[in-house]
């Protein structure tokens, strides 16, 4: 899973909602990845804590890839 910059809005009411109903902060593609990980692992926060980011090369129109 690529590390991304999306996050669920952190208030308790939002986090009690189903994954698809939660408000997110981030662009559409990163929000989709966030929801996918939450649905597949059950706890995206724990996933990112256990899999820390070690390098970031941002995606852009020239290189069209991300690390």
PDB file of N, CA and C in Angstrom:
ATOM      1  N   UNK A   1       0.852  -1.183   0.000  1.00  0.00           N
ATOM      2  CA  UNK A   1       0.000   0.000   0.000  1.00  0.00           C
ATOM      3  C   UNK A   1       0.886   1.229   0.000  1.00  0.00           C
ATOM      4  N   UNK A   2       0.621   2.118  -0.895  1.00  0.00           N
ATOM      5  CA  UNK A   2       1.333   3.386  -0.893  1.00  0.00           C
ATOM      6  C   UNK A   2       0.856   4.223   0.276  1.00  0.00           C
ATOM      7  N   UNK A   3       1.773   4.859   0.922  1.00  0.00           N
ATOM      8  CA  UNK A   3       1.415   5.782   1.990  1.00  0.00           C
ATOM      9  C   UNK A   3       0.760   6.992   1.357  1.00  0.00           C
ATOM     10  N   UNK A   4      -0.258   7.519   1.965  1.00  0.00           N
ATOM     11  CA  UNK A   4      -0.910   8.681   1.362  1.00  0.00           C
ATOM     12  C   UNK A   4      -1.185   9.757   2.394  1.00  0.00           C
ATOM     13  N   UNK A   5      -1.742  10.844   1.936  1.00  0.00           N
ATOM     14  CA  UNK A   5      -1.973  11.994   2.801  1.00  0.00           C
ATOM     15  C   UNK A   5      -3.432  12.159   3.190  1.00  0.00           C
ATOM     16  N   UNK A   6      -4.281  11.203   2.862  1.00  0.00           N
ATOM     17  CA  UNK A   6      -5.693  11.282   3.237  1.00  0.00           C
ATOM     18  C   UNK A   6      -5.866  10.806   4.673  1.00  0.00           C
ATOM     19  N   UNK A   7      -6.920  11.273   5.308  1.00  0.00           N
ATOM     20  CA  UNK A   7      -7.226  10.859   6.672  1.00  0.00           C
ATOM     21  C   UNK A   7      -8.710  11.038   6.912  1.00  0.00           C
ATOM     22  N   UNK A   8      -9.272  10.224   7.814  1.00  0.00           N
ATOM     23  CA  UNK A   8     -10.650  10.427   8.231  1.00  0.00           C
ATOM     24  C   UNK A   8     -10.698  11.609   9.184  1.00  0.00           C
ATOM     25  N   UNK A   9     -11.725  12.462   9.036  1.00  0.00           N
ATOM     26  CA  UNK A   9     -11.899  13.543   9.999  1.00  0.00           C
ATOM     27  C   UNK A   9     -12.046  12.901  11.375  1.00  0.00           C
ATOM     28  N   UNK A  10     -11.306  13.387  12.358  1.00  0.00           N
ATOM     29  CA  UNK A  10     -11.109  12.680  13.611  1.00  0.00           C
ATOM     30  C   UNK A  10     -12.163  12.773  14.687  1.00  0.00           C
ATOM     31  N   UNK A  11     -13.272  13.472  14.462  1.00  0.00           N
ATOM     32  CA  UNK A  11     -14.232  13.573  15.560  1.00  0.00           C
ATOM     33  C   UNK A  11     -14.970  12.242  15.750  1.00  0.00           C
ATOM     34  N   UNK A  12     -15.330  11.909  16.995  1.00  0.00           N
ATOM     35  CA  UNK A  12     -15.948  10.616  17.306  1.00  0.00           C
ATOM     36  C   UNK A  12     -17.223  10.320  16.509  1.00  0.00           C
ATOM     37  N   UNK A  13     -18.061  11.324  16.267  1.00  0.00           N
ATOM     38  CA  UNK A  13     -19.284  11.090  15.490  1.00  0.00           C
ATOM     39  C   UNK A  13     -18.952  10.609  14.088  1.00  0.00           C
ATOM     40  N   UNK A  14     -17.957  11.196  13.468  1.00  0.00           N
ATOM     41  CA  UNK A  14     -17.560  10.794  12.122  1.00  0.00           C
ATOM     42  C   UNK A  14     -16.999   9.374  12.119  1.00  0.00           C
ATOM     43  N   UNK A  15     -16.195   9.031  13.107  1.00  0.00           N
ATOM     44  CA  UNK A  15     -15.554   7.721  13.142  1.00  0.00           C
ATOM     45  C   UNK A  15     -16.531   6.596  13.468  1.00  0.00           C
ATOM     46  N   UNK A  16     -17.699   6.918  14.023  1.00  0.00           N
ATOM     47  CA  UNK A  16     -18.730   5.910  14.285  1.00  0.00           C
ATOM     48  C   UNK A  16     -19.518   5.546  13.030  1.00  0.00           C
ATOM     49  N   UNK A  17     -19.440   6.369  12.000  1.00  0.00           N
ATOM     50  CA  UNK A  17     -20.166   6.113  10.755  1.00  0.00           C
ATOM     51  C   UNK A  17     -19.515   4.955   9.998  1.00  0.00           C
ATOM     52  N   UNK A  18     -20.280   4.374   9.064  1.00  0.00           N
ATOM     53  CA  UNK A  18     -19.689   3.348   8.203  1.00  0.00           C
ATOM     54  C   UNK A  18     -18.574   3.994   7.375  1.00  0.00           C
ATOM     55  N   UNK A  19     -17.668   3.188   6.894  1.00  0.00           N
ATOM     56  CA  UNK A  19     -16.497   3.704   6.177  1.00  0.00           C
ATOM     57  C   UNK A  19     -16.900   4.615   5.024  1.00  0.00           C
ATOM     58  N   UNK A  20     -17.909   4.212   4.250  1.00  0.00           N
ATOM     59  CA  UNK A  20     -18.299   4.999   3.081  1.00  0.00           C
ATOM     60  C   UNK A  20     -19.041   6.284   3.439  1.00  0.00           C
ATOM     61  N   UNK A  21     -19.504   6.411   4.667  1.00  0.00           N
ATOM     62  CA  UNK A  21     -20.212   7.612   5.106  1.00  0.00           C
ATOM     63  C   UNK A  21     -19.295   8.607   5.815  1.00  0.00           C
ATOM     64  N   UNK A  22     -18.083   8.208   6.142  1.00  0.00           N
ATOM     65  CA  UNK A  22     -17.165   9.081   6.878  1.00  0.00           C
ATOM     66  C   UNK A  22     -16.664  10.225   6.004  1.00  0.00           C
ATOM     67  N   UNK A  23     -16.499  11.374   6.623  1.00  0.00           N
ATOM     68  CA  UNK A  23     -15.887  12.507   5.935  1.00  0.00           C
ATOM     69  C   UNK A  23     -14.373  12.347   6.006  1.00  0.00           C
ATOM     70  N   UNK A  24     -13.721  12.626   4.889  1.00  0.00           N
ATOM     71  CA  UNK A  24     -12.275  12.462   4.788  1.00  0.00           C
ATOM     72  C   UNK A  24     -11.621  13.775   4.397  1.00  0.00           C
ATOM     73  N   UNK A  25     -10.354  13.866   4.730  1.00  0.00           N
ATOM     74  CA  UNK A  25      -9.525  14.993   4.321  1.00  0.00           C
ATOM     75  C   UNK A  25      -8.501  14.429   3.342  1.00  0.00           C
ATOM     76  N   UNK A  26      -8.482  14.944   2.118  1.00  0.00           N
ATOM     77  CA  UNK A  26      -7.557  14.470   1.100  1.00  0.00           C
ATOM     78  C   UNK A  26      -8.226  14.437  -0.250  1.00  0.00           C
ATOM     79  N   UNK A  27      -7.436  14.211  -1.288  1.00  0.00           N
ATOM     80  CA  UNK A  27      -8.032  14.181  -2.624  1.00  0.00           C
ATOM     81  C   UNK A  27      -8.766  12.855  -2.852  1.00  0.00           C
ATOM     82  N   UNK A  28      -9.504  12.772  -3.941  1.00  0.00           N
ATOM     83  CA  UNK A  28     -10.400  11.638  -4.184  1.00  0.00           C
ATOM     84  C   UNK A  28      -9.663  10.305  -4.284  1.00  0.00           C
ATOM     85  N   UNK A  29      -8.544  10.259  -4.987  1.00  0.00           N
ATOM     86  CA  UNK A  29      -7.846   8.980  -5.149  1.00  0.00           C
ATOM     87  C   UNK A  29      -7.218   8.520  -3.833  1.00  0.00           C
ATOM     88  N   UNK A  30      -6.674   9.432  -3.059  1.00  0.00           N
ATOM     89  CA  UNK A  30      -6.088   9.050  -1.775  1.00  0.00           C
ATOM     90  C   UNK A  30      -7.164   8.664  -0.770  1.00  0.00           C
ATOM     91  N   UNK A  31      -8.318   9.325  -0.824  1.00  0.00           N
ATOM     92  CA  UNK A  31      -9.440   8.957   0.035  1.00  0.00           C
ATOM     93  C   UNK A  31      -9.921   7.551  -0.300  1.00  0.00           C
ATOM     94  N   UNK A  32      -9.978   7.215  -1.579  1.00  0.00           N
ATOM     95  CA  UNK A  32     -10.387   5.869  -1.994  1.00  0.00           C
ATOM     96  C   UNK A  32      -9.416   4.817  -1.465  1.00  0.00           C
ATOM     97  N   UNK A  33      -8.111   5.088  -1.527  1.00  0.00           N
ATOM     98  CA  UNK A  33      -7.122   4.158  -0.980  1.00  0.00           C
ATOM     99  C   UNK A  33      -7.286   4.007   0.528  1.00  0.00           C
ATOM    100  N   UNK A  34      -7.527   5.103   1.209  1.00  0.00           N
ATOM    101  CA  UNK A  34      -7.732   5.078   2.654  1.00  0.00           C
ATOM    102  C   UNK A  34      -8.919   4.193   3.009  1.00  0.00           C
ATOM    103  N   UNK A  35     -10.030   4.363   2.307  1.00  0.00           N
ATOM    104  CA  UNK A  35     -11.226   3.561   2.575  1.00  0.00           C
ATOM    105  C   UNK A  35     -10.982   2.088   2.259  1.00  0.00           C
ATOM    106  N   UNK A  36     -10.253   1.810   1.197  1.00  0.00           N
ATOM    107  CA  UNK A  36      -9.939   0.433   0.823  1.00  0.00           C
ATOM    108  C   UNK A  36      -9.133  -0.263   1.924  1.00  0.00           C
ATOM    109  N   UNK A  37      -8.126   0.416   2.448  1.00  0.00           N
ATOM    110  CA  UNK A  37      -7.316  -0.167   3.519  1.00  0.00           C
ATOM    111  C   UNK A  37      -8.154  -0.347   4.776  1.00  0.00           C
ATOM    112  N   UNK A  38      -8.991   0.621   5.102  1.00  0.00           N
ATOM    113  CA  UNK A  38      -9.855   0.506   6.283  1.00  0.00           C
ATOM    114  C   UNK A  38     -10.781  -0.700   6.144  1.00  0.00           C
ATOM    115  N   UNK A  39     -11.341  -0.897   4.969  1.00  0.00           N
ATOM    116  CA  UNK A  39     -12.239  -2.035   4.752  1.00  0.00           C
ATOM    117  C   UNK A  39     -11.496  -3.367   4.768  1.00  0.00           C
ATOM    118  N   UNK A  40     -10.282  -3.404   4.263  1.00  0.00           N
ATOM    119  CA  UNK A  40      -9.559  -4.678   4.184  1.00  0.00           C
ATOM    120  C   UNK A  40      -8.821  -5.036   5.474  1.00  0.00           C
ATOM    121  N   UNK A  41      -8.346  -4.042   6.220  1.00  0.00           N
ATOM    122  CA  UNK A  41      -7.595  -4.341   7.449  1.00  0.00           C
ATOM    123  C   UNK A  41      -8.424  -4.131   8.705  1.00  0.00           C
ATOM    124  N   UNK A  42      -9.436  -3.288   8.628  1.00  0.00           N
ATOM    125  CA  UNK A  42     -10.280  -3.007   9.779  1.00  0.00           C
ATOM    126  C   UNK A  42      -9.767  -1.896  10.671  1.00  0.00           C
ATOM    127  N   UNK A  43      -8.526  -1.465  10.462  1.00  0.00           N
ATOM    128  CA  UNK A  43      -7.976  -0.406  11.304  1.00  0.00           C
ATOM    129  C   UNK A  43      -6.813   0.255  10.571  1.00  0.00           C
ATOM    130  N   UNK A  44      -7.121   1.278   9.807  1.00  0.00           N
ATOM    131  CA  UNK A  44      -6.093   1.933   8.994  1.00  0.00           C
ATOM    132  C   UNK A  44      -5.042   2.630   9.861  1.00  0.00           C
ATOM    133  N   UNK A  45      -5.433   3.131  11.015  1.00  0.00           N
ATOM    134  CA  UNK A  45      -4.467   3.788  11.904  1.00  0.00           C
ATOM    135  C   UNK A  45      -3.411   2.785  12.351  1.00  0.00           C
ATOM    136  N   UNK A  46      -3.845   1.610  12.783  1.00  0.00           N
ATOM    137  CA  UNK A  46      -2.907   0.566  13.201  1.00  0.00           C
ATOM    138  C   UNK A  46      -2.029   0.132  12.029  1.00  0.00           C
ATOM    139  N   UNK A  47      -2.619   0.011  10.840  1.00  0.00           N
ATOM    140  CA  UNK A  47      -1.859  -0.376   9.647  1.00  0.00           C
ATOM    141  C   UNK A  47      -0.709   0.592   9.401  1.00  0.00           C
ATOM    142  N   UNK A  48      -0.993   1.892   9.443  1.00  0.00           N
ATOM    143  CA  UNK A  48       0.054   2.875   9.180  1.00  0.00           C
ATOM    144  C   UNK A  48       1.062   2.965  10.322  1.00  0.00           C
ATOM    145  N   UNK A  49       0.640   2.686  11.560  1.00  0.00           N
ATOM    146  CA  UNK A  49       1.593   2.661  12.670  1.00  0.00           C
ATOM    147  C   UNK A  49       2.578   1.497  12.524  1.00  0.00           C
ATOM    148  N   UNK A  50       2.086   0.357  12.025  1.00  0.00           N
ATOM    149  CA  UNK A  50       2.932  -0.825  11.872  1.00  0.00           C
ATOM    150  C   UNK A  50       3.763  -0.794  10.592  1.00  0.00           C
ATOM    151  N   UNK A  51       3.389   0.047   9.644  1.00  0.00           N
ATOM    152  CA  UNK A  51       4.075   0.126   8.354  1.00  0.00           C
ATOM    153  C   UNK A  51       4.474   1.568   8.095  1.00  0.00           C
ATOM    154  N   UNK A  52       5.496   1.999   8.785  1.00  0.00           N
ATOM    155  CA  UNK A  52       5.890   3.398   8.707  1.00  0.00           C
ATOM    156  C   UNK A  52       6.445   3.757   7.331  1.00  0.00           C
ATOM    157  N   UNK A  53       6.325   5.011   6.985  1.00  0.00           N
ATOM    158  CA  UNK A  53       6.858   5.514   5.723  1.00  0.00           C
ATOM    159  C   UNK A  53       8.369   5.636   5.849  1.00  0.00           C
ATOM    160  N   UNK A  54       9.093   5.082   4.875  1.00  0.00           N
ATOM    161  CA  UNK A  54      10.552   5.160   4.912  1.00  0.00           C
ATOM    162  C   UNK A  54      11.116   6.054   3.814  1.00  0.00           C
ATOM    163  N   UNK A  55      10.314   6.344   2.783  1.00  0.00           N
ATOM    164  CA  UNK A  55      10.764   7.177   1.683  1.00  0.00           C
ATOM    165  C   UNK A  55       9.547   7.719   0.961  1.00  0.00           C
ATOM    166  N   UNK A  56       9.639   8.932   0.479  1.00  0.00           N
ATOM    167  CA  UNK A  56       8.546   9.484  -0.310  1.00  0.00           C
ATOM    168  C   UNK A  56       9.100  10.164  -1.554  1.00  0.00           C
ATOM    169  N   UNK A  57       8.639   9.701  -2.688  1.00  0.00           N
ATOM    170  CA  UNK A  57       8.885  10.364  -3.964  1.00  0.00           C
ATOM    171  C   UNK A  57       7.507  10.673  -4.524  1.00  0.00           C
ATOM    172  N   UNK A  58       7.074  11.924  -4.467  1.00  0.00           N
ATOM    173  CA  UNK A  58       5.715  12.263  -4.885  1.00  0.00           C
ATOM    174  C   UNK A  58       5.460  11.948  -6.354  1.00  0.00           C
ATOM    175  N   UNK A  59       4.237  11.568  -6.632  1.00  0.00           N
ATOM    176  CA  UNK A  59       3.812  11.359  -8.012  1.00  0.00           C
ATOM    177  C   UNK A  59       3.673  12.713  -8.693  1.00  0.00           C
ATOM    178  N   UNK A  60       4.016  12.761  -9.966  1.00  0.00           N
ATOM    179  CA  UNK A  60       3.806  13.983 -10.738  1.00  0.00           C
ATOM    180  C   UNK A  60       3.613  13.621 -12.207  1.00  0.00           C
ATOM    181  N   UNK A  61       3.320  14.587 -13.024  1.00  0.00           N
ATOM    182  CA  UNK A  61       3.006  14.343 -14.431  1.00  0.00           C
ATOM    183  C   UNK A  61       4.210  13.838 -15.216  1.00  0.00           C
ATOM    184  N   UNK A  62       5.418  14.101 -14.745  1.00  0.00           N
ATOM    185  CA  UNK A  62       6.613  13.676 -15.468  1.00  0.00           C
ATOM    186  C   UNK A  62       6.948  12.210 -15.212  1.00  0.00           C
ATOM    187  N   UNK A  63       7.047  11.826 -13.934  1.00  0.00           N
ATOM    188  CA  UNK A  63       7.487  10.453 -13.657  1.00  0.00           C
ATOM    189  C   UNK A  63       6.343   9.439 -13.581  1.00  0.00           C
ATOM    190  N   UNK A  64       5.139   9.858 -13.286  1.00  0.00           N
ATOM    191  CA  UNK A  64       3.939   9.015 -13.270  1.00  0.00           C
ATOM    192  C   UNK A  64       4.074   7.769 -12.382  1.00  0.00           C
ATOM    193  N   UNK A  65       4.863   7.835 -11.349  1.00  0.00           N
ATOM    194  CA  UNK A  65       4.935   6.764 -10.366  1.00  0.00           C
ATOM    195  C   UNK A  65       5.137   7.376  -8.993  1.00  0.00           C
ATOM    196  N   UNK A  66       4.954   6.561  -7.958  1.00  0.00           N
ATOM    197  CA  UNK A  66       5.118   7.039  -6.592  1.00  0.00           C
ATOM    198  C   UNK A  66       5.771   5.939  -5.778  1.00  0.00           C
ATOM    199  N   UNK A  67       6.687   6.302  -4.891  1.00  0.00           N
ATOM    200  CA  UNK A  67       7.301   5.368  -3.954  1.00  0.00           C
ATOM    201  C   UNK A  67       6.970   5.784  -2.555  1.00  0.00           C
TER     202      UNK A  67
END
